[in-house]
PDB file of N, CA and C in Angstrom:
ATOM      1  N   UNK A   1     -33.736  -7.640  84.562  1.00  0.00           N
ATOM      2  CA  UNK A   1     -34.828  -7.213  83.579  1.00  0.00           C
ATOM      3  C   UNK A   1     -36.157  -6.579  84.092  1.00  0.00           C
ATOM      4  N   UNK A   2     -36.663  -6.968  85.376  1.00  0.00           N
ATOM      5  CA  UNK A   2     -37.781  -5.782  85.988  1.00  0.00           C
ATOM      6  C   UNK A   2     -37.054  -4.790  86.661  1.00  0.00           C
ATOM      7  N   UNK A   3     -36.008  -4.340  86.824  1.00  0.00           N
ATOM      8  CA  UNK A   3     -35.223  -3.256  87.314  1.00  0.00           C
ATOM      9  C   UNK A   3     -35.721  -2.362  85.768  1.00  0.00           C
ATOM     10  N   UNK A   4     -35.112  -2.967  85.000  1.00  0.00           N
ATOM     11  CA  UNK A   4     -35.070  -2.131  83.630  1.00  0.00           C
ATOM     12  C   UNK A   4     -36.967  -1.633  83.035  1.00  0.00           C
ATOM     13  N   UNK A   5     -37.553  -2.597  83.385  1.00  0.00           N
ATOM     14  CA  UNK A   5     -38.797  -2.268  83.293  1.00  0.00           C
ATOM     15  C   UNK A   5     -39.030  -0.932  84.136  1.00  0.00           C
ATOM     16  N   UNK A   6     -38.853  -1.102  85.578  1.00  0.00           N
ATOM     17  CA  UNK A   6     -39.635  -0.132  86.477  1.00  0.00           C
ATOM     18  C   UNK A   6     -38.787   0.962  86.467  1.00  0.00           C
ATOM     19  N   UNK A   7     -37.613   0.870  85.836  1.00  0.00           N
ATOM     20  CA  UNK A   7     -36.995   1.995  85.558  1.00  0.00           C
ATOM     21  C   UNK A   7     -37.286   3.024  84.174  1.00  0.00           C
ATOM     22  N   UNK A   8     -37.785   2.166  83.227  1.00  0.00           N
ATOM     23  CA  UNK A   8     -38.441   2.910  81.941  1.00  0.00           C
ATOM     24  C   UNK A   8     -39.851   3.631  82.478  1.00  0.00           C
ATOM     25  N   UNK A   9     -40.529   2.669  83.477  1.00  0.00           N
ATOM     26  CA  UNK A   9     -42.052   3.114  84.014  1.00  0.00           C
ATOM     27  C   UNK A   9     -41.846   4.570  84.677  1.00  0.00           C
ATOM     28  N   UNK A  10     -40.677   4.474  85.318  1.00  0.00           N
ATOM     29  CA  UNK A  10     -40.449   5.726  86.390  1.00  0.00           C
ATOM     30  C   UNK A  10     -39.973   6.767  85.291  1.00  0.00           C
ATOM     31  N   UNK A  11     -39.275   6.670  84.504  1.00  0.00           N
ATOM     32  CA  UNK A  11     -38.762   7.524  83.420  1.00  0.00           C
ATOM     33  C   UNK A  11     -40.128   8.287  82.584  1.00  0.00           C
ATOM     34  N   UNK A  12     -40.979   7.210  82.288  1.00  0.00           N
ATOM     35  CA  UNK A  12     -42.222   8.030  81.471  1.00  0.00           C
ATOM     36  C   UNK A  12     -43.117   8.540  82.020  1.00  0.00           C
ATOM     37  N   UNK A  13     -43.276   7.979  83.233  1.00  0.00           N
ATOM     38  CA  UNK A  13     -43.780   9.125  84.666  1.00  0.00           C
ATOM     39  C   UNK A  13     -43.198  10.284  85.003  1.00  0.00           C
ATOM     40  N   UNK A  14     -42.240  10.647  84.916  1.00  0.00           N
ATOM     41  CA  UNK A  14     -41.580  11.722  85.390  1.00  0.00           C
ATOM     42  C   UNK A  14     -41.627  12.796  83.853  1.00  0.00           C
ATOM     43  N   UNK A  15     -41.850  12.195  82.610  1.00  0.00           N
ATOM     44  CA  UNK A  15     -41.839  12.872  81.763  1.00  0.00           C
ATOM     45  C   UNK A  15     -43.145  13.256  81.465  1.00  0.00           C
ATOM     46  N   UNK A  16     -44.164  12.586  82.022  1.00  0.00           N
ATOM     47  CA  UNK A  16     -45.270  12.967  81.332  1.00  0.00           C
ATOM     48  C   UNK A  16     -46.267  13.874  82.724  1.00  0.00           C
ATOM     49  N   UNK A  17     -45.766  13.850  83.592  1.00  0.00           N
ATOM     50  CA  UNK A  17     -46.662  14.017  84.884  1.00  0.00           C
ATOM     51  C   UNK A  17     -45.717  15.118  85.944  1.00  0.00           C
ATOM     52  N   UNK A  18     -45.800  15.018  86.729  1.00  0.00           N
ATOM     53  CA  UNK A  18     -45.222  15.999  88.019  1.00  0.00           C
ATOM     54  C   UNK A  18     -44.210  16.640  87.810  1.00  0.00           C
ATOM     55  N   UNK A  19     -42.992  16.408  86.846  1.00  0.00           N
ATOM     56  CA  UNK A  19     -41.699  16.917  87.048  1.00  0.00           C
ATOM     57  C   UNK A  19     -41.441  17.959  85.900  1.00  0.00           C
ATOM     58  N   UNK A  20     -42.279  18.372  85.504  1.00  0.00           N
ATOM     59  CA  UNK A  20     -42.219  19.964  84.524  1.00  0.00           C
ATOM     60  C   UNK A  20     -41.862  20.946  85.174  1.00  0.00           C
ATOM     61  N   UNK A  21     -40.990  21.773  84.410  1.00  0.00           N
ATOM     62  CA  UNK A  21     -40.747  23.037  84.755  1.00  0.00           C
ATOM     63  C   UNK A  21     -41.528  23.594  85.256  1.00  0.00           C
ATOM     64  N   UNK A  22     -41.813  24.394  86.493  1.00  0.00           N
ATOM     65  CA  UNK A  22     -43.399  24.992  86.818  1.00  0.00           C
ATOM     66  C   UNK A  22     -43.764  26.145  85.675  1.00  0.00           C
ATOM     67  N   UNK A  23     -42.927  27.058  85.233  1.00  0.00           N
ATOM     68  CA  UNK A  23     -43.298  27.755  84.315  1.00  0.00           C
ATOM     69  C   UNK A  23     -43.588  27.481  82.705  1.00  0.00           C
ATOM     70  N   UNK A  24     -43.437  26.332  82.482  1.00  0.00           N
ATOM     71  CA  UNK A  24     -43.430  25.865  81.058  1.00  0.00           C
ATOM     72  C   UNK A  24     -43.910  24.450  80.771  1.00  0.00           C
ATOM     73  N   UNK A  25     -44.717  24.276  79.985  1.00  0.00           N
ATOM     74  CA  UNK A  25     -44.976  23.259  79.658  1.00  0.00           C
ATOM     75  C   UNK A  25     -43.959  22.108  78.982  1.00  0.00           C
ATOM     76  N   UNK A  26     -44.385  20.768  78.822  1.00  0.00           N
ATOM     77  CA  UNK A  26     -43.101  19.402  78.638  1.00  0.00           C
ATOM     78  C   UNK A  26     -42.769  20.409  76.813  1.00  0.00           C
ATOM     79  N   UNK A  27     -44.099  20.599  76.128  1.00  0.00           N
ATOM     80  CA  UNK A  27     -43.664  20.731  74.868  1.00  0.00           C
ATOM     81  C   UNK A  27     -42.838  22.235  74.703  1.00  0.00           C
ATOM     82  N   UNK A  28     -43.236  23.200  75.153  1.00  0.00           N
ATOM     83  CA  UNK A  28     -42.813  24.444  75.752  1.00  0.00           C
ATOM     84  C   UNK A  28     -41.059  24.470  75.991  1.00  0.00           C
ATOM     85  N   UNK A  29     -40.758  23.411  76.780  1.00  0.00           N
ATOM     86  CA  UNK A  29     -39.577  23.317  77.499  1.00  0.00           C
ATOM     87  C   UNK A  29     -38.670  23.034  76.155  1.00  0.00           C
ATOM     88  N   UNK A  30     -39.073  21.372  75.399  1.00  0.00           N
ATOM     89  CA  UNK A  30     -38.360  20.960  74.326  1.00  0.00           C
ATOM     90  C   UNK A  30     -38.151  22.280  73.044  1.00  0.00           C
ATOM     91  N   UNK A  31     -39.163  23.004  73.256  1.00  0.00           N
ATOM     92  CA  UNK A  31     -38.918  23.705  72.087  1.00  0.00           C
ATOM     93  C   UNK A  31     -37.618  24.991  72.380  1.00  0.00           C
ATOM     94  N   UNK A  32     -37.395  25.409  74.123  1.00  0.00           N
ATOM     95  CA  UNK A  32     -36.189  26.228  74.607  1.00  0.00           C
ATOM     96  C   UNK A  32     -35.392  25.298  73.973  1.00  0.00           C
ATOM     97  N   UNK A  33     -34.940  24.002  74.372  1.00  0.00           N
ATOM     98  CA  UNK A  33     -33.854  23.335  74.264  1.00  0.00           C
ATOM     99  C   UNK A  33     -33.351  23.200  73.050  1.00  0.00           C
ATOM    100  N   UNK A  34     -34.380  22.723  72.252  1.00  0.00           N
ATOM    101  CA  UNK A  34     -34.387  22.998  70.408  1.00  0.00           C
ATOM    102  C   UNK A  34     -33.705  24.225  70.034  1.00  0.00           C
ATOM    103  N   UNK A  35     -34.318  25.218  70.293  1.00  0.00           N
ATOM    104  CA  UNK A  35     -33.672  26.707  70.007  1.00  0.00           C
ATOM    105  C   UNK A  35     -32.052  26.892  70.737  1.00  0.00           C
ATOM    106  N   UNK A  36     -32.031  26.339  71.495  1.00  0.00           N
ATOM    107  CA  UNK A  36     -30.708  26.611  72.471  1.00  0.00           C
ATOM    108  C   UNK A  36     -29.632  25.943  71.542  1.00  0.00           C
ATOM    109  N   UNK A  37     -29.890  24.209  71.479  1.00  0.00           N
ATOM    110  CA  UNK A  37     -29.168  23.824  70.573  1.00  0.00           C
ATOM    111  C   UNK A  37     -28.797  24.106  69.073  1.00  0.00           C
ATOM    112  N   UNK A  38     -29.827  24.796  68.557  1.00  0.00           N
ATOM    113  CA  UNK A  38     -29.884  25.198  67.090  1.00  0.00           C
ATOM    114  C   UNK A  38     -28.636  26.529  67.070  1.00  0.00           C
ATOM    115  N   UNK A  39     -28.908  27.185  68.173  1.00  0.00           N
ATOM    116  CA  UNK A  39     -27.923  28.637  68.304  1.00  0.00           C
ATOM    117  C   UNK A  39     -26.475  28.452  68.850  1.00  0.00           C
ATOM    118  N   UNK A  40     -26.245  27.098  69.823  1.00  0.00           N
ATOM    119  CA  UNK A  40     -24.958  26.617  69.806  1.00  0.00           C
ATOM    120  C   UNK A  40     -24.539  26.166  68.569  1.00  0.00           C
ATOM    121  N   UNK A  41     -25.095  25.331  67.757  1.00  0.00           N
ATOM    122  CA  UNK A  41     -24.662  24.496  66.475  1.00  0.00           C
ATOM    123  C   UNK A  41     -24.365  25.913  65.576  1.00  0.00           C
ATOM    124  N   UNK A  42     -24.914  26.732  65.499  1.00  0.00           N
ATOM    125  CA  UNK A  42     -24.500  27.906  64.327  1.00  0.00           C
ATOM    126  C   UNK A  42     -23.031  28.335  64.924  1.00  0.00           C
ATOM    127  N   UNK A  43     -23.054  28.805  66.391  1.00  0.00           N
ATOM    128  CA  UNK A  43     -21.959  29.313  66.892  1.00  0.00           C
ATOM    129  C   UNK A  43     -20.738  28.316  66.518  1.00  0.00           C
ATOM    130  N   UNK A  44     -20.935  27.285  66.782  1.00  0.00           N
ATOM    131  CA  UNK A  44     -19.968  26.095  66.615  1.00  0.00           C
ATOM    132  C   UNK A  44     -19.466  26.096  64.987  1.00  0.00           C
ATOM    133  N   UNK A  45     -20.593  26.281  64.021  1.00  0.00           N
ATOM    134  CA  UNK A  45     -20.137  26.597  62.674  1.00  0.00           C
ATOM    135  C   UNK A  45     -19.079  27.259  62.704  1.00  0.00           C
ATOM    136  N   UNK A  46     -19.774  28.620  62.727  1.00  0.00           N
ATOM    137  CA  UNK A  46     -19.365  30.063  62.634  1.00  0.00           C
ATOM    138  C   UNK A  46     -17.619  30.233  63.276  1.00  0.00           C
ATOM    139  N   UNK A  47     -17.454  29.125  64.472  1.00  0.00           N
ATOM    140  CA  UNK A  47     -15.993  29.240  65.136  1.00  0.00           C
ATOM    141  C   UNK A  47     -15.169  28.388  63.771  1.00  0.00           C
ATOM    142  N   UNK A  48     -15.773  27.390  63.481  1.00  0.00           N
ATOM    143  CA  UNK A  48     -14.960  26.296  62.695  1.00  0.00           C
ATOM    144  C   UNK A  48     -14.552  27.204  61.390  1.00  0.00           C
ATOM    145  N   UNK A  49     -15.779  27.963  60.933  1.00  0.00           N
ATOM    146  CA  UNK A  49     -15.542  28.541  59.589  1.00  0.00           C
ATOM    147  C   UNK A  49     -14.369  29.243  60.053  1.00  0.00           C
ATOM    148  N   UNK A  50     -14.402  30.474  60.860  1.00  0.00           N
ATOM    149  CA  UNK A  50     -13.572  31.440  61.091  1.00  0.00           C
ATOM    150  C   UNK A  50     -11.895  30.554  61.478  1.00  0.00           C
ATOM    151  N   UNK A  51     -11.992  29.949  61.844  1.00  0.00           N
ATOM    152  CA  UNK A  51     -10.645  28.478  62.308  1.00  0.00           C
ATOM    153  C   UNK A  51     -10.112  28.557  61.092  1.00  0.00           C
ATOM    154  N   UNK A  52     -10.452  27.888  59.982  1.00  0.00           N
ATOM    155  CA  UNK A  52     -10.423  27.541  58.800  1.00  0.00           C
ATOM    156  C   UNK A  52     -10.216  28.442  57.897  1.00  0.00           C
ATOM    157  N   UNK A  53     -10.731  29.859  58.126  1.00  0.00           N
ATOM    158  CA  UNK A  53     -10.355  30.618  57.279  1.00  0.00           C
ATOM    159  C   UNK A  53     -11.600  30.488  55.988  1.00  0.00           C
ATOM    160  N   UNK A  54     -12.807  30.392  56.007  1.00  0.00           N
ATOM    161  CA  UNK A  54     -13.426  29.629  55.133  1.00  0.00           C
ATOM    162  C   UNK A  54     -14.112  30.708  54.377  1.00  0.00           C
ATOM    163  N   UNK A  55     -14.392  31.714  55.314  1.00  0.00           N
ATOM    164  CA  UNK A  55     -15.241  33.064  55.104  1.00  0.00           C
ATOM    165  C   UNK A  55     -14.346  33.869  54.049  1.00  0.00           C
ATOM    166  N   UNK A  56     -15.053  34.447  52.902  1.00  0.00           N
ATOM    167  CA  UNK A  56     -14.448  35.291  51.895  1.00  0.00           C
ATOM    168  C   UNK A  56     -13.996  36.786  52.710  1.00  0.00           C
ATOM    169  N   UNK A  57     -12.661  37.154  52.205  1.00  0.00           N
ATOM    170  CA  UNK A  57     -12.371  38.473  52.713  1.00  0.00           C
ATOM    171  C   UNK A  57     -13.214  39.404  52.969  1.00  0.00           C
ATOM    172  N   UNK A  58     -13.354  40.218  53.626  1.00  0.00           N
ATOM    173  CA  UNK A  58     -13.985  41.693  53.568  1.00  0.00           C
ATOM    174  C   UNK A  58     -13.544  42.841  53.114  1.00  0.00           C
ATOM    175  N   UNK A  59     -14.719  43.376  52.472  1.00  0.00           N
ATOM    176  CA  UNK A  59     -14.436  44.572  51.680  1.00  0.00           C
ATOM    177  C   UNK A  59     -14.123  45.547  52.404  1.00  0.00           C
ATOM    178  N   UNK A  60     -14.187  45.692  53.887  1.00  0.00           N
ATOM    179  CA  UNK A  60     -13.794  46.929  54.818  1.00  0.00           C
ATOM    180  C   UNK A  60     -12.192  47.030  55.298  1.00  0.00           C
ATOM    181  N   UNK A  61     -11.284  46.292  54.427  1.00  0.00           N
ATOM    182  CA  UNK A  61      -9.854  46.358  55.006  1.00  0.00           C
ATOM    183  C   UNK A  61      -8.998  47.420  54.754  1.00  0.00           C
ATOM    184  N   UNK A  62      -8.351  48.142  55.082  1.00  0.00           N
ATOM    185  CA  UNK A  62      -7.464  48.955  55.069  1.00  0.00           C
ATOM    186  C   UNK A  62      -6.443  48.855  53.381  1.00  0.00           C
ATOM    187  N   UNK A  63      -6.705  47.644  52.791  1.00  0.00           N
ATOM    188  CA  UNK A  63      -6.281  47.225  51.452  1.00  0.00           C
ATOM    189  C   UNK A  63      -6.786  47.567  50.177  1.00  0.00           C
ATOM    190  N   UNK A  64      -8.195  48.301  50.768  1.00  0.00           N
ATOM    191  CA  UNK A  64      -8.976  48.575  49.721  1.00  0.00           C
ATOM    192  C   UNK A  64      -9.189  49.849  49.535  1.00  0.00           C
ATOM    193  N   UNK A  65      -8.212  50.863  49.546  1.00  0.00           N
ATOM    194  CA  UNK A  65      -8.708  52.038  49.802  1.00  0.00           C
ATOM    195  C   UNK A  65      -8.424  52.609  48.232  1.00  0.00           C
ATOM    196  N   UNK A  66      -9.350  53.240  47.478  1.00  0.00           N
ATOM    197  CA  UNK A  66      -9.273  53.601  46.746  1.00  0.00           C
ATOM    198  C   UNK A  66      -9.309  55.143  45.631  1.00  0.00           C
TER     199      UNK A  66
END
C-alpha cells in the first residue's frame, strides 16, 4: 500500500513539475495530443466508411456521361 501511495506521489510530481516537454507547457502538450487523437479517429472512421461502402457514389464516374 505504501508503494502505491509513493507511486501516486511520484506520478503527480512528474506531471506538475519538471518533466514537461521543454518547448510546451503541460496544457499545450495535452492539446496537441487531443488534436492528434481527434485526427486519428476521423481517419479511422473514414477508413471504416470506405471499407463498408457507406459513402454515396460519386457523380464523377464515367457512367454519368450525359
